Amino acid sequence: MAIEHQVLKRRAASRGPSAGDYEARDTRASLAMGVLSVVA
């Protein structure tokens, strides 16, 4: 994810933002759901 984030940041700098870019709140929600799925 860290590697992808850097690739997407460079792409956004040249092409503009996209729906693939990381957004902090969205990423935290996805990680939280991952943890909850393991607990479940």
PDB file of all heavy atoms in Angstrom:
ATOM      1  N   MET A   1       0.830  -1.203   0.000  1.00  0.00           N
ATOM      2  CA  MET A   1       0.000   0.000   0.000  1.00  0.00           C
ATOM      3  C   MET A   1       0.863   1.250   0.000  1.00  0.00           C
ATOM      4  O   MET A   1       0.544   2.247  -0.669  1.00  0.00           O
ATOM      5  CB  MET A   1      -0.955  -0.004   1.201  1.00  0.00           C
ATOM      6  CG  MET A   1      -2.153  -0.924   1.038  1.00  0.00           C
ATOM      7  SD  MET A   1      -3.410  -0.706   2.333  1.00  0.00           S
ATOM      8  CE  MET A   1      -2.565  -1.404   3.745  1.00  0.00           C
ATOM      9  N   ALA A   2       1.974   1.210   0.731  1.00  0.00           N
ATOM     10  CA  ALA A   2       2.883   2.364   0.757  1.00  0.00           C
ATOM     11  C   ALA A   2       3.488   2.604  -0.626  1.00  0.00           C
ATOM     12  O   ALA A   2       3.593   3.754  -1.083  1.00  0.00           O
ATOM     13  CB  ALA A   2       3.986   2.133   1.789  1.00  0.00           C
ATOM     14  N   ILE A   3       3.880   1.528  -1.294  1.00  0.00           N
ATOM     15  CA  ILE A   3       4.434   1.660  -2.648  1.00  0.00           C
ATOM     16  C   ILE A   3       3.378   2.210  -3.603  1.00  0.00           C
ATOM     17  O   ILE A   3       3.641   3.133  -4.391  1.00  0.00           O
ATOM     18  CB  ILE A   3       4.962   0.300  -3.141  1.00  0.00           C
ATOM     19  CG1 ILE A   3       6.152  -0.148  -2.293  1.00  0.00           C
ATOM     20  CG2 ILE A   3       5.342   0.367  -4.620  1.00  0.00           C
ATOM     21  CD1 ILE A   3       6.590  -1.583  -2.549  1.00  0.00           C
ATOM     22  N   GLU A   4       2.163   1.633  -3.526  1.00  0.00           N
ATOM     23  CA  GLU A   4       1.084   2.100  -4.406  1.00  0.00           C
ATOM     24  C   GLU A   4       0.776   3.569  -4.159  1.00  0.00           C
ATOM     25  O   GLU A   4       0.551   4.342  -5.102  1.00  0.00           O
ATOM     26  CB  GLU A   4      -0.172   1.252  -4.187  1.00  0.00           C
ATOM     27  CG  GLU A   4      -1.320   1.643  -5.108  1.00  0.00           C
ATOM     28  CD  GLU A   4      -2.623   0.965  -4.742  1.00  0.00           C
ATOM     29  OE1 GLU A   4      -2.914   0.829  -3.529  1.00  0.00           O
ATOM     30  OE2 GLU A   4      -3.375   0.589  -5.667  1.00  0.00           O
ATOM     31  N   HIS A   5       0.781   3.965  -2.899  1.00  0.00           N
ATOM     32  CA  HIS A   5       0.488   5.353  -2.549  1.00  0.00           C
ATOM     33  C   HIS A   5       1.486   6.309  -3.216  1.00  0.00           C
ATOM     34  O   HIS A   5       1.101   7.355  -3.757  1.00  0.00           O
ATOM     35  CB  HIS A   5       0.529   5.512  -1.032  1.00  0.00           C
ATOM     36  CG  HIS A   5       0.254   6.902  -0.545  1.00  0.00           C
ATOM     37  ND1 HIS A   5      -0.775   7.681  -1.030  1.00  0.00           N
ATOM     38  CD2 HIS A   5       0.895   7.652   0.388  1.00  0.00           C
ATOM     39  CE1 HIS A   5      -0.773   8.848  -0.414  1.00  0.00           C
ATOM     40  NE2 HIS A   5       0.242   8.871   0.445  1.00  0.00           N
ATOM     41  N   GLN A   6       2.756   5.940  -3.206  1.00  0.00           N
ATOM     42  CA  GLN A   6       3.766   6.785  -3.832  1.00  0.00           C
ATOM     43  C   GLN A   6       3.602   6.831  -5.345  1.00  0.00           C
ATOM     44  O   GLN A   6       3.744   7.898  -5.974  1.00  0.00           O
ATOM     45  CB  GLN A   6       5.171   6.276  -3.469  1.00  0.00           C
ATOM     46  CG  GLN A   6       5.525   6.423  -2.001  1.00  0.00           C
ATOM     47  CD  GLN A   6       5.415   7.868  -1.525  1.00  0.00           C
ATOM     48  OE1 GLN A   6       5.876   8.797  -2.189  1.00  0.00           O
ATOM     49  NE2 GLN A   6       4.790   8.053  -0.360  1.00  0.00           N
ATOM     50  N   VAL A   7       3.289   5.700  -5.940  1.00  0.00           N
ATOM     51  CA  VAL A   7       3.057   5.662  -7.393  1.00  0.00           C
ATOM     52  C   VAL A   7       1.878   6.551  -7.769  1.00  0.00           C
ATOM     53  O   VAL A   7       1.933   7.327  -8.742  1.00  0.00           O
ATOM     54  CB  VAL A   7       2.800   4.210  -7.864  1.00  0.00           C
ATOM     55  CG1 VAL A   7       2.338   4.181  -9.317  1.00  0.00           C
ATOM     56  CG2 VAL A   7       4.059   3.374  -7.690  1.00  0.00           C
ATOM     57  N   LEU A   8       0.798   6.471  -6.986  1.00  0.00           N
ATOM     58  CA  LEU A   8      -0.393   7.264  -7.272  1.00  0.00           C
ATOM     59  C   LEU A   8      -0.138   8.759  -7.055  1.00  0.00           C
ATOM     60  O   LEU A   8      -0.696   9.602  -7.779  1.00  0.00           O
ATOM     61  CB  LEU A   8      -1.553   6.790  -6.383  1.00  0.00           C
ATOM     62  CG  LEU A   8      -2.118   5.414  -6.739  1.00  0.00           C
ATOM     63  CD1 LEU A   8      -3.069   4.926  -5.644  1.00  0.00           C
ATOM     64  CD2 LEU A   8      -2.857   5.455  -8.083  1.00  0.00           C
ATOM     65  N   LYS A   9       0.681   9.100  -6.074  1.00  0.00           N
ATOM     66  CA  LYS A   9       1.002  10.509  -5.840  1.00  0.00           C
ATOM     67  C   LYS A   9       1.756  11.087  -7.037  1.00  0.00           C
ATOM     68  O   LYS A   9       1.479  12.216  -7.483  1.00  0.00           O
ATOM     69  CB  LYS A   9       1.838  10.659  -4.573  1.00  0.00           C
ATOM     70  CG  LYS A   9       1.032  10.575  -3.285  1.00  0.00           C
ATOM     71  CD  LYS A   9       1.912  10.717  -2.063  1.00  0.00           C
ATOM     72  CE  LYS A   9       2.547  12.093  -1.968  1.00  0.00           C
ATOM     73  NZ  LYS A   9       3.342  12.250  -0.724  1.00  0.00           N
ATOM     74  N   ARG A  10       2.704  10.322  -7.572  1.00  0.00           N
ATOM     75  CA  ARG A  10       3.441  10.800  -8.753  1.00  0.00           C
ATOM     76  C   ARG A  10       2.516  10.903  -9.959  1.00  0.00           C
ATOM     77  O   ARG A  10       2.617  11.850 -10.749  1.00  0.00           O
ATOM     78  CB  ARG A  10       4.621   9.863  -9.055  1.00  0.00           C
ATOM     79  CG  ARG A  10       5.746   9.964  -8.040  1.00  0.00           C
ATOM     80  CD  ARG A  10       7.029   9.325  -8.581  1.00  0.00           C
ATOM     81  NE  ARG A  10       6.868   7.891  -8.789  1.00  0.00           N
ATOM     82  CZ  ARG A  10       7.151   6.979  -7.862  1.00  0.00           C
ATOM     83  NH1 ARG A  10       7.590   7.359  -6.666  1.00  0.00           N
ATOM     84  NH2 ARG A  10       6.999   5.699  -8.128  1.00  0.00           N
ATOM     85  N   ARG A  11       1.618   9.951 -10.082  1.00  0.00           N
ATOM     86  CA  ARG A  11       0.685   9.999 -11.209  1.00  0.00           C
ATOM     87  C   ARG A  11      -0.252  11.193 -11.089  1.00  0.00           C
ATOM     88  O   ARG A  11      -0.554  11.867 -12.074  1.00  0.00           O
ATOM     89  CB  ARG A  11      -0.125   8.701 -11.282  1.00  0.00           C
ATOM     90  CG  ARG A  11      -0.967   8.577 -12.539  1.00  0.00           C
ATOM     91  CD  ARG A  11      -1.701   7.260 -12.604  1.00  0.00           C
ATOM     92  NE  ARG A  11      -2.855   7.231 -11.712  1.00  0.00           N
ATOM     93  CZ  ARG A  11      -3.754   6.252 -11.688  1.00  0.00           C
ATOM     94  NH1 ARG A  11      -3.606   5.196 -12.487  1.00  0.00           N
ATOM     95  NH2 ARG A  11      -4.779   6.295 -10.860  1.00  0.00           N
ATOM     96  N   ALA A  12      -0.721  11.455  -9.866  1.00  0.00           N
ATOM     97  CA  ALA A  12      -1.620  12.593  -9.655  1.00  0.00           C
ATOM     98  C   ALA A  12      -0.924  13.913  -9.962  1.00  0.00           C
ATOM     99  O   ALA A  12      -1.557  14.863 -10.450  1.00  0.00           O
ATOM    100  CB  ALA A  12      -2.141  12.585  -8.225  1.00  0.00           C
ATOM    101  N   ALA A  13       0.378  13.985  -9.706  1.00  0.00           N
ATOM    102  CA  ALA A  13       1.117  15.218  -9.972  1.00  0.00           C
ATOM    103  C   ALA A  13       1.185  15.527 -11.456  1.00  0.00           C
ATOM    104  O   ALA A  13       1.229  16.695 -11.857  1.00  0.00           O
ATOM    105  CB  ALA A  13       2.529  15.109  -9.394  1.00  0.00           C
ATOM    106  N   SER A  14       1.169  14.481 -12.285  1.00  0.00           N
ATOM    107  CA  SER A  14       1.271  14.701 -13.736  1.00  0.00           C
ATOM    108  C   SER A  14      -0.067  14.638 -14.453  1.00  0.00           C
ATOM    109  O   SER A  14      -0.291  15.346 -15.428  1.00  0.00           O
ATOM    110  CB  SER A  14       2.230  13.672 -14.348  1.00  0.00           C
ATOM    111  OG  SER A  14       1.756  12.349 -14.113  1.00  0.00           O
ATOM    112  N   ARG A  15      -0.988  13.808 -13.945  1.00  0.00           N
ATOM    113  CA  ARG A  15      -2.263  13.618 -14.644  1.00  0.00           C
ATOM    114  C   ARG A  15      -3.463  14.182 -13.903  1.00  0.00           C
ATOM    115  O   ARG A  15      -4.561  14.254 -14.447  1.00  0.00           O
ATOM    116  CB  ARG A  15      -2.514  12.118 -14.877  1.00  0.00           C
ATOM    117  CG  ARG A  15      -1.430  11.384 -15.636  1.00  0.00           C
ATOM    118  CD  ARG A  15      -1.871   9.938 -15.842  1.00  0.00           C
ATOM    119  NE  ARG A  15      -0.774   9.099 -16.313  1.00  0.00           N
ATOM    120  CZ  ARG A  15      -0.886   7.781 -16.475  1.00  0.00           C
ATOM    121  NH1 ARG A  15      -2.046   7.169 -16.198  1.00  0.00           N
ATOM    122  NH2 ARG A  15       0.138   7.074 -16.902  1.00  0.00           N
ATOM    123  N   GLY A  16      -3.281  14.527 -12.639  1.00  0.00           N
ATOM    124  CA  GLY A  16      -4.406  14.971 -11.831  1.00  0.00           C
ATOM    125  C   GLY A  16      -4.928  13.837 -10.953  1.00  0.00           C
ATOM    126  O   GLY A  16      -4.551  12.672 -11.131  1.00  0.00           O
ATOM    127  N   PRO A  17      -5.799  14.176 -10.000  1.00  0.00           N
ATOM    128  CA  PRO A  17      -6.309  13.157  -9.066  1.00  0.00           C
ATOM    129  C   PRO A  17      -7.205  12.126  -9.752  1.00  0.00           C
ATOM    130  O   PRO A  17      -7.753  12.365 -10.825  1.00  0.00           O
ATOM    131  CB  PRO A  17      -7.100  13.993  -8.058  1.00  0.00           C
ATOM    132  CG  PRO A  17      -7.492  15.217  -8.813  1.00  0.00           C
ATOM    133  CD  PRO A  17      -6.354  15.501  -9.751  1.00  0.00           C
ATOM    134  N   SER A  18      -7.340  10.980  -9.103  1.00  0.00           N
ATOM    135  CA  SER A  18      -8.197   9.910  -9.623  1.00  0.00           C
ATOM    136  C   SER A  18      -8.860   9.189  -8.454  1.00  0.00           C
ATOM    137  O   SER A  18      -8.507   9.396  -7.295  1.00  0.00           O
ATOM    138  CB  SER A  18      -7.386   8.908 -10.443  1.00  0.00           C
ATOM    139  OG  SER A  18      -6.581   8.098  -9.591  1.00  0.00           O
ATOM    140  N   ALA A  19      -9.811   8.311  -8.785  1.00  0.00           N
ATOM    141  CA  ALA A  19     -10.523   7.552  -7.751  1.00  0.00           C
ATOM    142  C   ALA A  19      -9.641   6.487  -7.120  1.00  0.00           C
ATOM    143  O   ALA A  19     -10.024   5.874  -6.123  1.00  0.00           O
ATOM    144  CB  ALA A  19     -11.767   6.900  -8.348  1.00  0.00           C
ATOM    145  N   GLY A  20      -8.455   6.265  -7.678  1.00  0.00           N
ATOM    146  CA  GLY A  20      -7.543   5.311  -7.071  1.00  0.00           C
ATOM    147  C   GLY A  20      -6.700   5.896  -5.965  1.00  0.00           C
ATOM    148  O   GLY A  20      -6.081   5.159  -5.199  1.00  0.00           O
ATOM    149  N   ASP A  21      -6.668   7.223  -5.868  1.00  0.00           N
ATOM    150  CA  ASP A  21      -5.823   7.873  -4.868  1.00  0.00           C
ATOM    151  C   ASP A  21      -6.279   7.549  -3.443  1.00  0.00           C
ATOM    152  O   ASP A  21      -7.471   7.353  -3.192  1.00  0.00           O
ATOM    153  CB  ASP A  21      -5.850   9.391  -5.063  1.00  0.00           C
ATOM    154  CG  ASP A  21      -5.289   9.807  -6.412  1.00  0.00           C
ATOM    155  OD1 ASP A  21      -4.526   9.020  -7.006  1.00  0.00           O
ATOM    156  OD2 ASP A  21      -5.638  10.912  -6.883  1.00  0.00           O
ATOM    157  N   TYR A  22      -5.338   7.547  -2.533  1.00  0.00           N
ATOM    158  CA  TYR A  22      -5.652   7.298  -1.127  1.00  0.00           C
ATOM    159  C   TYR A  22      -6.247   8.552  -0.498  1.00  0.00           C
ATOM    160  O   TYR A  22      -5.792   9.667  -0.744  1.00  0.00           O
ATOM    161  CB  TYR A  22      -4.399   6.882  -0.364  1.00  0.00           C
ATOM    162  CG  TYR A  22      -4.013   5.437  -0.575  1.00  0.00           C
ATOM    163  CD1 TYR A  22      -3.345   5.045  -1.729  1.00  0.00           C
ATOM    164  CD2 TYR A  22      -4.345   4.466   0.364  1.00  0.00           C
ATOM    165  CE1 TYR A  22      -2.998   3.714  -1.936  1.00  0.00           C
ATOM    166  CE2 TYR A  22      -4.004   3.138   0.169  1.00  0.00           C
ATOM    167  CZ  TYR A  22      -3.331   2.767  -0.990  1.00  0.00           C
ATOM    168  OH  TYR A  22      -2.998   1.443  -1.192  1.00  0.00           O
ATOM    169  N   GLU A  23      -7.285   8.336   0.297  1.00  0.00           N
ATOM    170  CA  GLU A  23      -7.904   9.401   1.084  1.00  0.00           C
ATOM    171  C   GLU A  23      -7.905   8.914   2.522  1.00  0.00           C
ATOM    172  O   GLU A  23      -8.347   7.801   2.809  1.00  0.00           O
ATOM    173  CB  GLU A  23      -9.336   9.657   0.585  1.00  0.00           C
ATOM    174  CG  GLU A  23      -9.929  10.993   0.998  1.00  0.00           C
ATOM    175  CD  GLU A  23     -10.531  10.943   2.407  1.00  0.00           C
ATOM    176  OE1 GLU A  23     -10.875   9.821   2.852  1.00  0.00           O
ATOM    177  OE2 GLU A  23     -10.662  12.005   3.036  1.00  0.00           O
ATOM    178  N   ALA A  24      -7.386   9.712   3.434  1.00  0.00           N
ATOM    179  CA  ALA A  24      -7.092   9.240   4.790  1.00  0.00           C
ATOM    180  C   ALA A  24      -8.291   8.609   5.476  1.00  0.00           C
ATOM    181  O   ALA A  24      -8.199   7.504   6.039  1.00  0.00           O
ATOM    182  CB  ALA A  24      -6.543  10.396   5.633  1.00  0.00           C
ATOM    183  N   ARG A  25      -9.444   9.274   5.446  1.00  0.00           N
ATOM    184  CA  ARG A  25     -10.611   8.751   6.156  1.00  0.00           C
ATOM    185  C   ARG A  25     -11.102   7.457   5.525  1.00  0.00           C
ATOM    186  O   ARG A  25     -11.488   6.505   6.223  1.00  0.00           O
ATOM    187  CB  ARG A  25     -11.727   9.795   6.164  1.00  0.00           C
ATOM    188  CG  ARG A  25     -11.422  11.050   6.977  1.00  0.00           C
ATOM    189  CD  ARG A  25     -12.465  12.113   6.754  1.00  0.00           C
ATOM    190  NE  ARG A  25     -12.508  12.506   5.344  1.00  0.00           N
ATOM    191  CZ  ARG A  25     -13.424  13.321   4.822  1.00  0.00           C
ATOM    192  NH1 ARG A  25     -14.384  13.830   5.596  1.00  0.00           N
ATOM    193  NH2 ARG A  25     -13.388  13.634   3.526  1.00  0.00           N
ATOM    194  N   ASP A  26     -11.072   7.402   4.190  1.00  0.00           N
ATOM    195  CA  ASP A  26     -11.496   6.188   3.499  1.00  0.00           C
ATOM    196  C   ASP A  26     -10.558   5.030   3.821  1.00  0.00           C
ATOM    197  O   ASP A  26     -11.011   3.904   4.065  1.00  0.00           O
ATOM    198  CB  ASP A  26     -11.527   6.453   1.990  1.00  0.00           C
ATOM    199  CG  ASP A  26     -11.959   5.236   1.199  1.00  0.00           C
ATOM    200  OD1 ASP A  26     -13.183   4.987   1.114  1.00  0.00           O
ATOM    201  OD2 ASP A  26     -11.078   4.514   0.685  1.00  0.00           O
ATOM    202  N   THR A  27      -9.269   5.302   3.815  1.00  0.00           N
ATOM    203  CA  THR A  27      -8.299   4.247   4.111  1.00  0.00           C
ATOM    204  C   THR A  27      -8.454   3.739   5.538  1.00  0.00           C
ATOM    205  O   THR A  27      -8.406   2.528   5.791  1.00  0.00           O
ATOM    206  CB  THR A  27      -6.867   4.762   3.888  1.00  0.00           C
ATOM    207  OG1 THR A  27      -6.731   5.193   2.527  1.00  0.00           O
ATOM    208  CG2 THR A  27      -5.852   3.676   4.179  1.00  0.00           C
ATOM    209  N   ARG A  28      -8.646   4.665   6.486  1.00  0.00           N
ATOM    210  CA  ARG A  28      -8.854   4.241   7.882  1.00  0.00           C
ATOM    211  C   ARG A  28     -10.101   3.372   8.002  1.00  0.00           C
ATOM    212  O   ARG A  28     -10.106   2.379   8.740  1.00  0.00           O
ATOM    213  CB  ARG A  28      -8.962   5.466   8.785  1.00  0.00           C
ATOM    214  CG  ARG A  28      -7.638   6.148   9.070  1.00  0.00           C
ATOM    215  CD  ARG A  28      -7.749   7.086  10.272  1.00  0.00           C
ATOM    216  NE  ARG A  28      -8.679   8.180  10.011  1.00  0.00           N
ATOM    217  CZ  ARG A  28      -8.326   9.366   9.536  1.00  0.00           C
ATOM    218  NH1 ARG A  28      -7.052   9.606   9.242  1.00  0.00           N
ATOM    219  NH2 ARG A  28      -9.225  10.321   9.349  1.00  0.00           N
ATOM    220  N   ALA A  29     -11.166   3.743   7.282  1.00  0.00           N
ATOM    221  CA  ALA A  29     -12.391   2.941   7.331  1.00  0.00           C
ATOM    222  C   ALA A  29     -12.150   1.545   6.775  1.00  0.00           C
ATOM    223  O   ALA A  29     -12.615   0.543   7.336  1.00  0.00           O
ATOM    224  CB  ALA A  29     -13.507   3.641   6.552  1.00  0.00           C
ATOM    225  N   SER A  30     -11.404   1.445   5.672  1.00  0.00           N
ATOM    226  CA  SER A  30     -11.122   0.139   5.079  1.00  0.00           C
ATOM    227  C   SER A  30     -10.293  -0.725   6.020  1.00  0.00           C
ATOM    228  O   SER A  30     -10.564  -1.924   6.189  1.00  0.00           O
ATOM    229  CB  SER A  30     -10.393   0.315   3.742  1.00  0.00           C
ATOM    230  OG  SER A  30     -11.228   0.918   2.777  1.00  0.00           O
ATOM    231  N   LEU A  31      -9.279  -0.124   6.650  1.00  0.00           N
ATOM    232  CA  LEU A  31      -8.444  -0.878   7.589  1.00  0.00           C
ATOM    233  C   LEU A  31      -9.258  -1.320   8.807  1.00  0.00           C
ATOM    234  O   LEU A  31      -9.084  -2.439   9.312  1.00  0.00           O
ATOM    235  CB  LEU A  31      -7.249  -0.026   8.022  1.00  0.00           C
ATOM    236  CG  LEU A  31      -6.247   0.340   6.931  1.00  0.00           C
ATOM    237  CD1 LEU A  31      -5.142   1.225   7.489  1.00  0.00           C
ATOM    238  CD2 LEU A  31      -5.661  -0.910   6.290  1.00  0.00           C
ATOM    239  N   ALA A  32     -10.156  -0.439   9.269  1.00  0.00           N
ATOM    240  CA  ALA A  32     -11.010  -0.806  10.413  1.00  0.00           C
ATOM    241  C   ALA A  32     -11.899  -1.991  10.060  1.00  0.00           C
ATOM    242  O   ALA A  32     -12.079  -2.912  10.877  1.00  0.00           O
ATOM    243  CB  ALA A  32     -11.857   0.389  10.837  1.00  0.00           C
ATOM    244  N   MET A  33     -12.450  -1.989   8.851  1.00  0.00           N
ATOM    245  CA  MET A  33     -13.300  -3.103   8.439  1.00  0.00           C
ATOM    246  C   MET A  33     -12.480  -4.391   8.318  1.00  0.00           C
ATOM    247  O   MET A  33     -12.975  -5.489   8.602  1.00  0.00           O
ATOM    248  CB  MET A  33     -13.983  -2.794   7.111  1.00  0.00           C
ATOM    249  CG  MET A  33     -14.945  -1.609   7.144  1.00  0.00           C
ATOM    250  SD  MET A  33     -16.128  -1.669   8.513  1.00  0.00           S
ATOM    251  CE  MET A  33     -16.918  -3.249   8.223  1.00  0.00           C
ATOM    252  N   GLY A  34     -11.223  -4.254   7.896  1.00  0.00           N
ATOM    253  CA  GLY A  34     -10.367  -5.434   7.841  1.00  0.00           C
ATOM    254  C   GLY A  34     -10.139  -6.042   9.215  1.00  0.00           C
ATOM    255  O   GLY A  34     -10.207  -7.261   9.394  1.00  0.00           O
ATOM    256  N   VAL A  35      -9.882  -5.188  10.202  1.00  0.00           N
ATOM    257  CA  VAL A  35      -9.686  -5.669  11.575  1.00  0.00           C
ATOM    258  C   VAL A  35     -10.970  -6.304  12.107  1.00  0.00           C
ATOM    259  O   VAL A  35     -10.948  -7.389  12.715  1.00  0.00           O
ATOM    260  CB  VAL A  35      -9.231  -4.515  12.488  1.00  0.00           C
ATOM    261  CG1 VAL A  35      -9.218  -4.955  13.952  1.00  0.00           C
ATOM    262  CG2 VAL A  35      -7.857  -4.019  12.075  1.00  0.00           C
ATOM    263  N   LEU A  36     -12.092  -5.636  11.868  1.00  0.00           N
ATOM    264  CA  LEU A  36     -13.375  -6.163  12.345  1.00  0.00           C
ATOM    265  C   LEU A  36     -13.714  -7.506  11.698  1.00  0.00           C
ATOM    266  O   LEU A  36     -14.300  -8.382  12.337  1.00  0.00           O
ATOM    267  CB  LEU A  36     -14.491  -5.155  12.072  1.00  0.00           C
ATOM    268  CG  LEU A  36     -14.488  -3.890  12.935  1.00  0.00           C
ATOM    269  CD1 LEU A  36     -15.562  -2.908  12.449  1.00  0.00           C
ATOM    270  CD2 LEU A  36     -14.722  -4.240  14.400  1.00  0.00           C
ATOM    271  N   SER A  37     -13.331  -7.674  10.439  1.00  0.00           N
ATOM    272  CA  SER A  37     -13.612  -8.953   9.772  1.00  0.00           C
ATOM    273  C   SER A  37     -12.811 -10.085  10.395  1.00  0.00           C
ATOM    274  O   SER A  37     -13.301 -11.216  10.512  1.00  0.00           O
ATOM    275  CB  SER A  37     -13.311  -8.850   8.273  1.00  0.00           C
ATOM    276  OG  SER A  37     -11.912  -8.771   8.027  1.00  0.00           O
ATOM    277  N   VAL A  38     -11.573  -9.793  10.826  1.00  0.00           N
ATOM    278  CA  VAL A  38     -10.760 -10.811  11.506  1.00  0.00           C
ATOM    279  C   VAL A  38     -11.388 -11.164  12.856  1.00  0.00           C
ATOM    280  O   VAL A  38     -11.486 -12.341  13.229  1.00  0.00           O
ATOM    281  CB  VAL A  38      -9.313 -10.306  11.694  1.00  0.00           C
ATOM    282  CG1 VAL A  38      -8.524 -11.283  12.554  1.00  0.00           C
ATOM    283  CG2 VAL A  38      -8.636 -10.129  10.346  1.00  0.00           C
ATOM    284  N   VAL A  39     -11.844 -10.141  13.587  1.00  0.00           N
ATOM    285  CA  VAL A  39     -12.502 -10.373  14.877  1.00  0.00           C
ATOM    286  C   VAL A  39     -13.771 -11.203  14.672  1.00  0.00           C
ATOM    287  O   VAL A  39     -14.035 -12.166  15.414  1.00  0.00           O
ATOM    288  CB  VAL A  39     -12.846  -9.033  15.561  1.00  0.00           C
ATOM    289  CG1 VAL A  39     -13.684  -9.270  16.818  1.00  0.00           C
ATOM    290  CG2 VAL A  39     -11.569  -8.281  15.906  1.00  0.00           C
ATOM    291  N   ALA A  40     -14.558 -10.837  13.647  1.00  0.00           N
ATOM    292  CA  ALA A  40     -15.796 -11.573  13.381  1.00  0.00           C
ATOM    293  C   ALA A  40     -15.504 -13.026  13.025  1.00  0.00           C
ATOM    294  O   ALA A  40     -16.236 -13.937  13.432  1.00  0.00           O
ATOM    295  CB  ALA A  40     -16.559 -10.896  12.240  1.00  0.00           C
TER     296      ALA A  40
END
